[in-house]
Amino acid sequence: MKYVLLLMANLDDARCGEEPKDAPTVEEFIAFDAELEKAGVLAGGLGLSDPEEGTIVTKANRDAEPVVTAGPYAESREFVGGTIVIDVKDLDEALYWAGRCPGAVGGRVEIRPMLEL
């Protein structure tokens, strides 16, 4: 079963100009990806730019014109910094990998099963 690990970060930490004390390094993420690949469970993923670089498109209803809003727009202090897709046998195995993810240090990793469409 495929799960998406949503790597959640704190907007205040991202904007403070200095890394939090225990912030994971790029090297730790590279090593984690290598570990997932070696275990045969890595199915994809990507990092995302800062929320300030995002753009939102909304529509009031099906017939309405789209409304475009450029960032920064985050109303919460938390944002998705990246995703990792894993293909594992069950939620327990997904929990194991989420617990090993460097993004859990100082942030949080949300696990979501992927829908088969």
PDB file of N, CA and C in Angstrom:
ATOM      1  N   MET A   1       0.847  -1.176   0.000  1.00  0.00           N
ATOM      2  CA  MET A   1       0.000   0.000   0.000  1.00  0.00           C
ATOM      3  C   MET A   1       0.897   1.244   0.000  1.00  0.00           C
ATOM      4  N   LYS A   2       0.476   2.246  -0.754  1.00  0.00           N
ATOM      5  CA  LYS A   2       1.271   3.473  -0.813  1.00  0.00           C
ATOM      6  C   LYS A   2       0.767   4.493   0.211  1.00  0.00           C
ATOM      7  N   TYR A   3       1.739   5.106   0.872  1.00  0.00           N
ATOM      8  CA  TYR A   3       1.472   6.169   1.837  1.00  0.00           C
ATOM      9  C   TYR A   3       2.298   7.387   1.456  1.00  0.00           C
ATOM     10  N   VAL A   4       1.747   8.563   1.733  1.00  0.00           N
ATOM     11  CA  VAL A   4       2.497   9.796   1.559  1.00  0.00           C
ATOM     12  C   VAL A   4       2.898  10.288   2.939  1.00  0.00           C
ATOM     13  N   LEU A   5       4.178  10.555   3.116  1.00  0.00           N
ATOM     14  CA  LEU A   5       4.667  11.192   4.330  1.00  0.00           C
ATOM     15  C   LEU A   5       4.725  12.686   4.034  1.00  0.00           C
ATOM     16  N   LEU A   6       3.879  13.463   4.708  1.00  0.00           N
ATOM     17  CA  LEU A   6       3.873  14.915   4.537  1.00  0.00           C
ATOM     18  C   LEU A   6       4.811  15.501   5.578  1.00  0.00           C
ATOM     19  N   LEU A   7       5.858  16.155   5.136  1.00  0.00           N
ATOM     20  CA  LEU A   7       6.865  16.709   6.038  1.00  0.00           C
ATOM     21  C   LEU A   7       6.433  18.128   6.412  1.00  0.00           C
ATOM     22  N   MET A   8       5.958  18.268   7.640  1.00  0.00           N
ATOM     23  CA  MET A   8       5.410  19.531   8.114  1.00  0.00           C
ATOM     24  C   MET A   8       6.476  20.301   8.880  1.00  0.00           C
ATOM     25  N   ALA A   9       6.588  21.597   8.580  1.00  0.00           N
ATOM     26  CA  ALA A   9       7.572  22.458   9.241  1.00  0.00           C
ATOM     27  C   ALA A   9       6.858  23.672   9.822  1.00  0.00           C
ATOM     28  N   ASN A  10       7.530  24.353  10.726  1.00  0.00           N
ATOM     29  CA  ASN A  10       6.971  25.543  11.361  1.00  0.00           C
ATOM     30  C   ASN A  10       7.420  26.773  10.599  1.00  0.00           C
ATOM     31  N   LEU A  11       6.471  27.595  10.197  1.00  0.00           N
ATOM     32  CA  LEU A  11       6.770  28.800   9.413  1.00  0.00           C
ATOM     33  C   LEU A  11       7.676  29.750  10.172  1.00  0.00           C
ATOM     34  N   ASP A  12       7.476  29.895  11.473  1.00  0.00           N
ATOM     35  CA  ASP A  12       8.318  30.788  12.262  1.00  0.00           C
ATOM     36  C   ASP A  12       9.770  30.316  12.255  1.00  0.00           C
ATOM     37  N   ASP A  13       9.994  28.996  12.348  1.00  0.00           N
ATOM     38  CA  ASP A  13      11.356  28.466  12.293  1.00  0.00           C
ATOM     39  C   ASP A  13      11.985  28.740  10.932  1.00  0.00           C
ATOM     40  N   ALA A  14      11.195  28.625   9.873  1.00  0.00           N
ATOM     41  CA  ALA A  14      11.719  28.834   8.522  1.00  0.00           C
ATOM     42  C   ALA A  14      12.084  30.290   8.284  1.00  0.00           C
ATOM     43  N   ARG A  15      11.428  31.206   8.985  1.00  0.00           N
ATOM     44  CA  ARG A  15      11.662  32.631   8.756  1.00  0.00           C
ATOM     45  C   ARG A  15      12.632  33.263   9.751  1.00  0.00           C
ATOM     46  N   CYS A  16      13.049  32.538  10.761  1.00  0.00           N
ATOM     47  CA  CYS A  16      13.826  33.157  11.842  1.00  0.00           C
ATOM     48  C   CYS A  16      15.245  33.521  11.429  1.00  0.00           C
ATOM     49  N   GLY A  17      15.703  33.025  10.276  1.00  0.00           N
ATOM     50  CA  GLY A  17      17.028  33.396   9.794  1.00  0.00           C
ATOM     51  C   GLY A  17      18.126  32.470  10.270  1.00  0.00           C
ATOM     52  N   GLU A  18      17.850  31.648  11.260  1.00  0.00           N
ATOM     53  CA  GLU A  18      18.830  30.654  11.683  1.00  0.00           C
ATOM     54  C   GLU A  18      18.118  29.338  11.928  1.00  0.00           C
ATOM     55  N   GLU A  19      18.820  28.262  11.662  1.00  0.00           N
ATOM     56  CA  GLU A  19      18.233  26.940  11.810  1.00  0.00           C
ATOM     57  C   GLU A  19      18.003  26.619  13.281  1.00  0.00           C
ATOM     58  N   PRO A  20      16.848  25.980  13.598  1.00  0.00           N
ATOM     59  CA  PRO A  20      16.670  25.497  14.969  1.00  0.00           C
ATOM     60  C   PRO A  20      17.796  24.536  15.322  1.00  0.00           C
ATOM     61  N   LYS A  21      18.095  24.425  16.595  1.00  0.00           N
ATOM     62  CA  LYS A  21      19.239  23.637  17.075  1.00  0.00           C
ATOM     63  C   LYS A  21      19.285  22.224  16.500  1.00  0.00           C
ATOM     64  N   ASP A  22      18.165  21.524  16.515  1.00  0.00           N
ATOM     65  CA  ASP A  22      18.142  20.129  16.063  1.00  0.00           C
ATOM     66  C   ASP A  22      17.582  19.968  14.653  1.00  0.00           C
ATOM     67  N   ALA A  23      17.589  21.025  13.847  1.00  0.00           N
ATOM     68  CA  ALA A  23      17.021  20.940  12.500  1.00  0.00           C
ATOM     69  C   ALA A  23      17.760  19.890  11.684  1.00  0.00           C
ATOM     70  N   PRO A  24      17.015  19.056  10.939  1.00  0.00           N
ATOM     71  CA  PRO A  24      17.677  18.046  10.117  1.00  0.00           C
ATOM     72  C   PRO A  24      18.446  18.696   8.972  1.00  0.00           C
ATOM     73  N   THR A  25      19.514  18.064   8.570  1.00  0.00           N
ATOM     74  CA  THR A  25      20.344  18.578   7.487  1.00  0.00           C
ATOM     75  C   THR A  25      19.946  17.947   6.159  1.00  0.00           C
ATOM     76  N   VAL A  26      20.370  18.558   5.085  1.00  0.00           N
ATOM     77  CA  VAL A  26      20.137  18.004   3.754  1.00  0.00           C
ATOM     78  C   VAL A  26      20.780  16.623   3.662  1.00  0.00           C
ATOM     79  N   GLU A  27      21.956  16.486   4.243  1.00  0.00           N
ATOM     80  CA  GLU A  27      22.657  15.201   4.214  1.00  0.00           C
ATOM     81  C   GLU A  27      21.844  14.101   4.908  1.00  0.00           C
ATOM     82  N   GLU A  28      21.166  14.452   5.993  1.00  0.00           N
ATOM     83  CA  GLU A  28      20.329  13.463   6.683  1.00  0.00           C
ATOM     84  C   GLU A  28      19.162  13.013   5.800  1.00  0.00           C
ATOM     85  N   PHE A  29      18.570  13.949   5.071  1.00  0.00           N
ATOM     86  CA  PHE A  29      17.488  13.581   4.154  1.00  0.00           C
ATOM     87  C   PHE A  29      17.999  12.723   3.004  1.00  0.00           C
ATOM     88  N   ILE A  30      19.179  13.035   2.490  1.00  0.00           N
ATOM     89  CA  ILE A  30      19.770  12.230   1.412  1.00  0.00           C
ATOM     90  C   ILE A  30      20.026  10.809   1.913  1.00  0.00           C
ATOM     91  N   ALA A  31      20.556  10.686   3.117  1.00  0.00           N
ATOM     92  CA  ALA A  31      20.814   9.367   3.697  1.00  0.00           C
ATOM     93  C   ALA A  31      19.510   8.601   3.934  1.00  0.00           C
ATOM     94  N   PHE A  32      18.480   9.314   4.399  1.00  0.00           N
ATOM     95  CA  PHE A  32      17.186   8.674   4.633  1.00  0.00           C
ATOM     96  C   PHE A  32      16.595   8.170   3.316  1.00  0.00           C
ATOM     97  N   ASP A  33      16.656   8.985   2.269  1.00  0.00           N
ATOM     98  CA  ASP A  33      16.172   8.546   0.956  1.00  0.00           C
ATOM     99  C   ASP A  33      16.930   7.312   0.476  1.00  0.00           C
ATOM    100  N   ALA A  34      18.234   7.291   0.699  1.00  0.00           N
ATOM    101  CA  ALA A  34      19.039   6.128   0.311  1.00  0.00           C
ATOM    102  C   ALA A  34      18.608   4.895   1.096  1.00  0.00           C
ATOM    103  N   GLU A  35      18.307   5.072   2.378  1.00  0.00           N
ATOM    104  CA  GLU A  35      17.851   3.959   3.216  1.00  0.00           C
ATOM    105  C   GLU A  35      16.498   3.427   2.717  1.00  0.00           C
ATOM    106  N   LEU A  36      15.593   4.336   2.364  1.00  0.00           N
ATOM    107  CA  LEU A  36      14.290   3.923   1.828  1.00  0.00           C
ATOM    108  C   LEU A  36      14.467   3.168   0.511  1.00  0.00           C
ATOM    109  N   GLU A  37      15.361   3.688  -0.342  1.00  0.00           N
ATOM    110  CA  GLU A  37      15.604   3.042  -1.631  1.00  0.00           C
ATOM    111  C   GLU A  37      16.212   1.654  -1.445  1.00  0.00           C
ATOM    112  N   LYS A  38      17.174   1.541  -0.541  1.00  0.00           N
ATOM    113  CA  LYS A  38      17.816   0.259  -0.276  1.00  0.00           C
ATOM    114  C   LYS A  38      16.803  -0.764   0.241  1.00  0.00           C
ATOM    115  N   ALA A  39      15.833  -0.304   1.043  1.00  0.00           N
ATOM    116  CA  ALA A  39      14.802  -1.194   1.579  1.00  0.00           C
ATOM    117  C   ALA A  39      13.725  -1.518   0.540  1.00  0.00           C
ATOM    118  N   GLY A  40      13.761  -0.830  -0.606  1.00  0.00           N
ATOM    119  CA  GLY A  40      12.801  -1.096  -1.664  1.00  0.00           C
ATOM    120  C   GLY A  40      11.417  -0.522  -1.430  1.00  0.00           C
ATOM    121  N   VAL A  41      11.316   0.515  -0.576  1.00  0.00           N
ATOM    122  CA  VAL A  41       9.997   1.088  -0.274  1.00  0.00           C
ATOM    123  C   VAL A  41       9.809   2.505  -0.821  1.00  0.00           C
ATOM    124  N   LEU A  42      10.863   3.125  -1.355  1.00  0.00           N
ATOM    125  CA  LEU A  42      10.745   4.482  -1.877  1.00  0.00           C
ATOM    126  C   LEU A  42       9.992   4.465  -3.198  1.00  0.00           C
ATOM    127  N   ALA A  43       8.878   5.216  -3.252  1.00  0.00           N
ATOM    128  CA  ALA A  43       8.061   5.256  -4.463  1.00  0.00           C
ATOM    129  C   ALA A  43       8.000   6.657  -5.066  1.00  0.00           C
ATOM    130  N   GLY A  44       8.664   7.642  -4.443  1.00  0.00           N
ATOM    131  CA  GLY A  44       8.671   8.994  -4.986  1.00  0.00           C
ATOM    132  C   GLY A  44       8.732  10.027  -3.883  1.00  0.00           C
ATOM    133  N   GLY A  45       8.615  11.266  -4.267  1.00  0.00           N
ATOM    134  CA  GLY A  45       8.622  12.356  -3.305  1.00  0.00           C
ATOM    135  C   GLY A  45       9.292  13.577  -3.886  1.00  0.00           C
ATOM    136  N   LEU A  46       9.108  14.693  -3.203  1.00  0.00           N
ATOM    137  CA  LEU A  46       9.738  15.928  -3.631  1.00  0.00           C
ATOM    138  C   LEU A  46       9.706  16.957  -2.526  1.00  0.00           C
ATOM    139  N   GLY A  47      10.683  17.845  -2.583  1.00  0.00           N
ATOM    140  CA  GLY A  47      10.717  18.974  -1.671  1.00  0.00           C
ATOM    141  C   GLY A  47       9.940  20.128  -2.279  1.00  0.00           C
ATOM    142  N   LEU A  48       9.462  21.007  -1.435  1.00  0.00           N
ATOM    143  CA  LEU A  48       8.688  22.154  -1.900  1.00  0.00           C
ATOM    144  C   LEU A  48       9.384  23.449  -1.511  1.00  0.00           C
ATOM    145  N   SER A  49       9.185  24.487  -2.318  1.00  0.00           N
ATOM    146  CA  SER A  49       9.741  25.795  -1.998  1.00  0.00           C
ATOM    147  C   SER A  49       8.981  26.405  -0.826  1.00  0.00           C
ATOM    148  N   ASP A  50       9.469  27.541  -0.337  1.00  0.00           N
ATOM    149  CA  ASP A  50       8.831  28.214   0.796  1.00  0.00           C
ATOM    150  C   ASP A  50       7.412  28.652   0.442  1.00  0.00           C
ATOM    151  N   PRO A  51       6.522  28.735   1.436  1.00  0.00           N
ATOM    152  CA  PRO A  51       5.136  29.143   1.183  1.00  0.00           C
ATOM    153  C   PRO A  51       5.020  30.504   0.495  1.00  0.00           C
ATOM    154  N   GLU A  52       5.982  31.395   0.706  1.00  0.00           N
ATOM    155  CA  GLU A  52       5.949  32.713   0.072  1.00  0.00           C
ATOM    156  C   GLU A  52       5.975  32.622  -1.443  1.00  0.00           C
ATOM    157  N   GLU A  53       6.468  31.529  -1.971  1.00  0.00           N
ATOM    158  CA  GLU A  53       6.561  31.353  -3.409  1.00  0.00           C
ATOM    159  C   GLU A  53       5.322  30.687  -4.003  1.00  0.00           C
ATOM    160  N   GLY A  54       4.359  30.358  -3.150  1.00  0.00           N
ATOM    161  CA  GLY A  54       3.157  29.679  -3.610  1.00  0.00           C
ATOM    162  C   GLY A  54       2.107  30.628  -4.154  1.00  0.00           C
ATOM    163  N   THR A  55       1.168  30.071  -4.874  1.00  0.00           N
ATOM    164  CA  THR A  55       0.031  30.797  -5.422  1.00  0.00           C
ATOM    165  C   THR A  55      -1.209  29.940  -5.205  1.00  0.00           C
ATOM    166  N   ILE A  56      -2.308  30.563  -4.804  1.00  0.00           N
ATOM    167  CA  ILE A  56      -3.558  29.843  -4.571  1.00  0.00           C
ATOM    168  C   ILE A  56      -4.582  30.252  -5.622  1.00  0.00           C
ATOM    169  N   VAL A  57      -5.291  29.275  -6.141  1.00  0.00           N
ATOM    170  CA  VAL A  57      -6.402  29.530  -7.051  1.00  0.00           C
ATOM    171  C   VAL A  57      -7.668  29.011  -6.381  1.00  0.00           C
ATOM    172  N   THR A  58      -8.686  29.872  -6.266  1.00  0.00           N
ATOM    173  CA  THR A  58      -9.962  29.473  -5.681  1.00  0.00           C
ATOM    174  C   THR A  58     -11.098  29.883  -6.609  1.00  0.00           C
ATOM    175  N   LYS A  59     -12.233  29.208  -6.430  1.00  0.00           N
ATOM    176  CA  LYS A  59     -13.448  29.556  -7.156  1.00  0.00           C
ATOM    177  C   LYS A  59     -14.612  29.489  -6.171  1.00  0.00           C
ATOM    178  N   ALA A  60     -15.468  30.498  -6.192  1.00  0.00           N
ATOM    179  CA  ALA A  60     -16.617  30.527  -5.288  1.00  0.00           C
ATOM    180  C   ALA A  60     -17.623  29.434  -5.636  1.00  0.00           C
ATOM    181  N   ASN A  61     -17.714  29.084  -6.919  1.00  0.00           N
ATOM    182  CA  ASN A  61     -18.590  28.006  -7.381  1.00  0.00           C
ATOM    183  C   ASN A  61     -18.128  27.581  -8.771  1.00  0.00           C
ATOM    184  N   ARG A  62     -18.781  26.585  -9.334  1.00  0.00           N
ATOM    185  CA  ARG A  62     -18.346  26.038 -10.625  1.00  0.00           C
ATOM    186  C   ARG A  62     -18.331  27.076 -11.738  1.00  0.00           C
ATOM    187  N   ASP A  63     -19.264  28.022 -11.699  1.00  0.00           N
ATOM    188  CA  ASP A  63     -19.391  29.003 -12.775  1.00  0.00           C
ATOM    189  C   ASP A  63     -18.571  30.268 -12.549  1.00  0.00           C
ATOM    190  N   ALA A  64     -17.982  30.415 -11.384  1.00  0.00           N
ATOM    191  CA  ALA A  64     -17.235  31.631 -11.048  1.00  0.00           C
ATOM    192  C   ALA A  64     -15.889  31.662 -11.752  1.00  0.00           C
ATOM    193  N   GLU A  65     -15.378  32.860 -11.929  1.00  0.00           N
ATOM    194  CA  GLU A  65     -14.029  33.039 -12.457  1.00  0.00           C
ATOM    195  C   GLU A  65     -13.025  32.698 -11.354  1.00  0.00           C
ATOM    196  N   PRO A  66     -11.893  32.122 -11.705  1.00  0.00           N
ATOM    197  CA  PRO A  66     -10.876  31.830 -10.692  1.00  0.00           C
ATOM    198  C   PRO A  66     -10.324  33.120 -10.075  1.00  0.00           C
ATOM    199  N   VAL A  67     -10.029  33.051  -8.784  1.00  0.00           N
ATOM    200  CA  VAL A  67      -9.384  34.144  -8.066  1.00  0.00           C
ATOM    201  C   VAL A  67      -7.984  33.664  -7.709  1.00  0.00           C
ATOM    202  N   VAL A  68      -6.969  34.421  -8.107  1.00  0.00           N
ATOM    203  CA  VAL A  68      -5.574  34.038  -7.886  1.00  0.00           C
ATOM    204  C   VAL A  68      -4.991  34.914  -6.787  1.00  0.00           C
ATOM    205  N   THR A  69      -4.375  34.262  -5.793  1.00  0.00           N
ATOM    206  CA  THR A  69      -3.728  34.973  -4.696  1.00  0.00           C
ATOM    207  C   THR A  69      -2.290  34.504  -4.606  1.00  0.00           C
ATOM    208  N   ALA A  70      -1.346  35.434  -4.683  1.00  0.00           N
ATOM    209  CA  ALA A  70       0.075  35.082  -4.571  1.00  0.00           C
ATOM    210  C   ALA A  70       0.483  35.071  -3.115  1.00  0.00           C
ATOM    211  N   GLY A  71       1.501  34.265  -2.765  1.00  0.00           N
ATOM    212  CA  GLY A  71       1.976  34.186  -1.393  1.00  0.00           C
ATOM    213  C   GLY A  71       2.666  35.463  -0.967  1.00  0.00           C
ATOM    214  N   PRO A  72       2.954  35.684   0.300  1.00  0.00           N
ATOM    215  CA  PRO A  72       2.650  34.742   1.384  1.00  0.00           C
ATOM    216  C   PRO A  72       1.177  34.788   1.757  1.00  0.00           C
ATOM    217  N   TYR A  73       0.643  33.619   2.030  1.00  0.00           N
ATOM    218  CA  TYR A  73      -0.779  33.523   2.304  1.00  0.00           C
ATOM    219  C   TYR A  73      -1.089  32.613   3.477  1.00  0.00           C
ATOM    220  N   ALA A  74      -0.087  31.948   4.030  1.00  0.00           N
ATOM    221  CA  ALA A  74      -0.332  30.952   5.073  1.00  0.00           C
ATOM    222  C   ALA A  74      -1.053  31.571   6.268  1.00  0.00           C
ATOM    223  N   GLU A  75      -2.173  30.977   6.616  1.00  0.00           N
ATOM    224  CA  GLU A  75      -2.906  31.423   7.794  1.00  0.00           C
ATOM    225  C   GLU A  75      -2.503  30.632   9.023  1.00  0.00           C
ATOM    226  N   SER A  76      -1.841  29.532   8.814  1.00  0.00           N
ATOM    227  CA  SER A  76      -1.360  28.755   9.953  1.00  0.00           C
ATOM    228  C   SER A  76       0.150  28.935  10.048  1.00  0.00           C
ATOM    229  N   ARG A  77       0.728  28.511  11.129  1.00  0.00           N
ATOM    230  CA  ARG A  77       2.170  28.631  11.336  1.00  0.00           C
ATOM    231  C   ARG A  77       2.897  27.417  10.778  1.00  0.00           C
ATOM    232  N   GLU A  78       2.162  26.459  10.251  1.00  0.00           N
ATOM    233  CA  GLU A  78       2.754  25.222   9.785  1.00  0.00           C
ATOM    234  C   GLU A  78       2.543  25.094   8.279  1.00  0.00           C
ATOM    235  N   PHE A  79       3.495  24.502   7.594  1.00  0.00           N
ATOM    236  CA  PHE A  79       3.368  24.309   6.154  1.00  0.00           C
ATOM    237  C   PHE A  79       3.995  22.989   5.741  1.00  0.00           C
ATOM    238  N   VAL A  80       3.612  22.499   4.563  1.00  0.00           N
ATOM    239  CA  VAL A  80       4.186  21.278   4.015  1.00  0.00           C
ATOM    240  C   VAL A  80       5.491  21.650   3.328  1.00  0.00           C
ATOM    241  N   GLY A  81       6.593  21.070   3.807  1.00  0.00           N
ATOM    242  CA  GLY A  81       7.902  21.359   3.240  1.00  0.00           C
ATOM    243  C   GLY A  81       8.323  20.363   2.181  1.00  0.00           C
ATOM    244  N   GLY A  82       7.632  19.220   2.134  1.00  0.00           N
ATOM    245  CA  GLY A  82       7.965  18.208   1.144  1.00  0.00           C
ATOM    246  C   GLY A  82       7.131  16.966   1.362  1.00  0.00           C
ATOM    247  N   THR A  83       7.281  16.026   0.449  1.00  0.00           N
ATOM    248  CA  THR A  83       6.556  14.759   0.539  1.00  0.00           C
ATOM    249  C   THR A  83       7.500  13.611   0.223  1.00  0.00           C
ATOM    250  N   ILE A  84       7.208  12.475   0.804  1.00  0.00           N
ATOM    251  CA  ILE A  84       7.892  11.236   0.452  1.00  0.00           C
ATOM    252  C   ILE A  84       6.797  10.194   0.273  1.00  0.00           C
ATOM    253  N   VAL A  85       6.830   9.480  -0.839  1.00  0.00           N
ATOM    254  CA  VAL A  85       5.859   8.416  -1.088  1.00  0.00           C
ATOM    255  C   VAL A  85       6.559   7.084  -0.846  1.00  0.00           C
ATOM    256  N   ILE A  86       5.943   6.269   0.000  1.00  0.00           N
ATOM    257  CA  ILE A  86       6.503   4.945   0.278  1.00  0.00           C
ATOM    258  C   ILE A  86       5.466   3.879  -0.070  1.00  0.00           C
ATOM    259  N   ASP A  87       5.945   2.715  -0.450  1.00  0.00           N
ATOM    260  CA  ASP A  87       5.075   1.583  -0.775  1.00  0.00           C
ATOM    261  C   ASP A  87       5.430   0.472   0.201  1.00  0.00           C
ATOM    262  N   VAL A  88       4.572   0.292   1.211  1.00  0.00           N
ATOM    263  CA  VAL A  88       4.834  -0.648   2.299  1.00  0.00           C
ATOM    264  C   VAL A  88       3.629  -1.551   2.494  1.00  0.00           C
ATOM    265  N   LYS A  89       3.771  -2.578   3.361  1.00  0.00           N
ATOM    266  CA  LYS A  89       2.686  -3.548   3.511  1.00  0.00           C
ATOM    267  C   LYS A  89       1.512  -3.026   4.334  1.00  0.00           C
ATOM    268  N   ASP A  90       1.784  -2.104   5.317  1.00  0.00           N
ATOM    269  CA  ASP A  90       0.685  -1.647   6.169  1.00  0.00           C
ATOM    270  C   ASP A  90       1.070  -0.374   6.930  1.00  0.00           C
ATOM    271  N   LEU A  91       0.126   0.141   7.711  1.00  0.00           N
ATOM    272  CA  LEU A  91       0.358   1.368   8.468  1.00  0.00           C
ATOM    273  C   LEU A  91       1.497   1.204   9.472  1.00  0.00           C
ATOM    274  N   ASP A  92       1.642   0.046  10.065  1.00  0.00           N
ATOM    275  CA  ASP A  92       2.735  -0.155  11.025  1.00  0.00           C
ATOM    276  C   ASP A  92       4.095   0.089  10.373  1.00  0.00           C
ATOM    277  N   GLU A  93       4.261  -0.395   9.155  1.00  0.00           N
ATOM    278  CA  GLU A  93       5.525  -0.177   8.462  1.00  0.00           C
ATOM    279  C   GLU A  93       5.687   1.299   8.077  1.00  0.00           C
ATOM    280  N   ALA A  94       4.588   1.945   7.697  1.00  0.00           N
ATOM    281  CA  ALA A  94       4.633   3.381   7.398  1.00  0.00           C
ATOM    282  C   ALA A  94       5.037   4.170   8.648  1.00  0.00           C
ATOM    283  N   LEU A  95       4.498   3.775   9.797  1.00  0.00           N
ATOM    284  CA  LEU A  95       4.864   4.427  11.068  1.00  0.00           C
ATOM    285  C   LEU A  95       6.346   4.247  11.372  1.00  0.00           C
ATOM    286  N   TYR A  96       6.860   3.069  11.098  1.00  0.00           N
ATOM    287  CA  TYR A  96       8.287   2.812  11.314  1.00  0.00           C
ATOM    288  C   TYR A  96       9.133   3.805  10.515  1.00  0.00           C
ATOM    289  N   TRP A  97       8.825   3.953   9.216  1.00  0.00           N
ATOM    290  CA  TRP A  97       9.612   4.843   8.369  1.00  0.00           C
ATOM    291  C   TRP A  97       9.408   6.302   8.748  1.00  0.00           C
ATOM    292  N   ALA A  98       8.195   6.682   9.103  1.00  0.00           N
ATOM    293  CA  ALA A  98       7.947   8.066   9.527  1.00  0.00           C
ATOM    294  C   ALA A  98       8.751   8.387  10.782  1.00  0.00           C
ATOM    295  N   GLY A  99       8.889   7.435  11.674  1.00  0.00           N
ATOM    296  CA  GLY A  99       9.674   7.632  12.895  1.00  0.00           C
ATOM    297  C   GLY A  99      11.158   7.781  12.634  1.00  0.00           C
ATOM    298  N   ARG A 100      11.636   7.278  11.518  1.00  0.00           N
ATOM    299  CA  ARG A 100      13.050   7.400  11.147  1.00  0.00           C
ATOM    300  C   ARG A 100      13.332   8.644  10.323  1.00  0.00           C
ATOM    301  N   CYS A 101      12.288   9.297   9.853  1.00  0.00           N
ATOM    302  CA  CYS A 101      12.434  10.449   8.959  1.00  0.00           C
ATOM    303  C   CYS A 101      13.049  11.642   9.681  1.00  0.00           C
ATOM    304  N   PRO A 102      14.074  12.275   9.114  1.00  0.00           N
ATOM    305  CA  PRO A 102      14.673  13.457   9.734  1.00  0.00           C
ATOM    306  C   PRO A 102      13.673  14.596   9.921  1.00  0.00           C
ATOM    307  N   GLY A 103      12.633  14.653   9.099  1.00  0.00           N
ATOM    308  CA  GLY A 103      11.639  15.717   9.206  1.00  0.00           C
ATOM    309  C   GLY A 103      10.827  15.674  10.488  1.00  0.00           C
ATOM    310  N   ALA A 104      10.858  14.546  11.198  1.00  0.00           N
ATOM    311  CA  ALA A 104      10.138  14.438  12.473  1.00  0.00           C
ATOM    312  C   ALA A 104      10.859  15.199  13.582  1.00  0.00           C
ATOM    313  N   VAL A 105      12.146  15.505  13.383  1.00  0.00           N
ATOM    314  CA  VAL A 105      12.932  16.233  14.380  1.00  0.00           C
ATOM    315  C   VAL A 105      12.625  17.725  14.243  1.00  0.00           C
ATOM    316  N   GLY A 106      11.965  18.286  15.229  1.00  0.00           N
ATOM    317  CA  GLY A 106      11.626  19.699  15.203  1.00  0.00           C
ATOM    318  C   GLY A 106      10.420  20.036  14.339  1.00  0.00           C
ATOM    319  N   GLY A 107       9.872  19.064  13.650  1.00  0.00           N
ATOM    320  CA  GLY A 107       8.682  19.250  12.825  1.00  0.00           C
ATOM    321  C   GLY A 107       7.735  18.105  13.101  1.00  0.00           C
ATOM    322  N   ARG A 108       6.983  17.709  12.091  1.00  0.00           N
ATOM    323  CA  ARG A 108       6.182  16.507  12.238  1.00  0.00           C
ATOM    324  C   ARG A 108       5.977  15.879  10.880  1.00  0.00           C
ATOM    325  N   VAL A 109       5.725  14.590  10.895  1.00  0.00           N
ATOM    326  CA  VAL A 109       5.486  13.838   9.670  1.00  0.00           C
ATOM    327  C   VAL A 109       4.064  13.304   9.742  1.00  0.00           C
ATOM    328  N   GLU A 110       3.237  13.752   8.821  1.00  0.00           N
ATOM    329  CA  GLU A 110       1.860  13.250   8.743  1.00  0.00           C
ATOM    330  C   GLU A 110       1.821  12.122   7.726  1.00  0.00           C
ATOM    331  N   ILE A 111       1.187  11.025   8.082  1.00  0.00           N
ATOM    332  CA  ILE A 111       1.105   9.859   7.199  1.00  0.00           C
ATOM    333  C   ILE A 111      -0.301   9.797   6.615  1.00  0.00           C
ATOM    334  N   ARG A 112      -0.388   9.717   5.286  1.00  0.00           N
ATOM    335  CA  ARG A 112      -1.685   9.634   4.634  1.00  0.00           C
ATOM    336  C   ARG A 112      -1.666   8.493   3.628  1.00  0.00           C
ATOM    337  N   PRO A 113      -2.638   7.564   3.704  1.00  0.00           N
ATOM    338  CA  PRO A 113      -2.715   6.545   2.655  1.00  0.00           C
ATOM    339  C   PRO A 113      -3.119   7.200   1.332  1.00  0.00           C
ATOM    340  N   MET A 114      -2.547   6.714   0.249  1.00  0.00           N
ATOM    341  CA  MET A 114      -2.900   7.222  -1.076  1.00  0.00           C
ATOM    342  C   MET A 114      -4.160   6.516  -1.547  1.00  0.00           C
ATOM    343  N   LEU A 115      -5.028   7.262  -2.204  1.00  0.00           N
ATOM    344  CA  LEU A 115      -6.233   6.671  -2.773  1.00  0.00           C
ATOM    345  C   LEU A 115      -5.918   6.075  -4.130  1.00  0.00           C
ATOM    346  N   GLU A 116      -6.429   4.914  -4.389  1.00  0.00           N
ATOM    347  CA  GLU A 116      -6.282   4.294  -5.691  1.00  0.00           C
ATOM    348  C   GLU A 116      -7.454   4.762  -6.548  1.00  0.00           C
ATOM    349  N   LEU A 117      -7.183   5.587  -7.554  1.00  0.00           N
ATOM    350  CA  LEU A 117      -8.247   6.106  -8.414  1.00  0.00           C
ATOM    351  C   LEU A 117      -8.333   5.357  -9.703  1.00  0.00           C
TER     352      LEU A 117
END
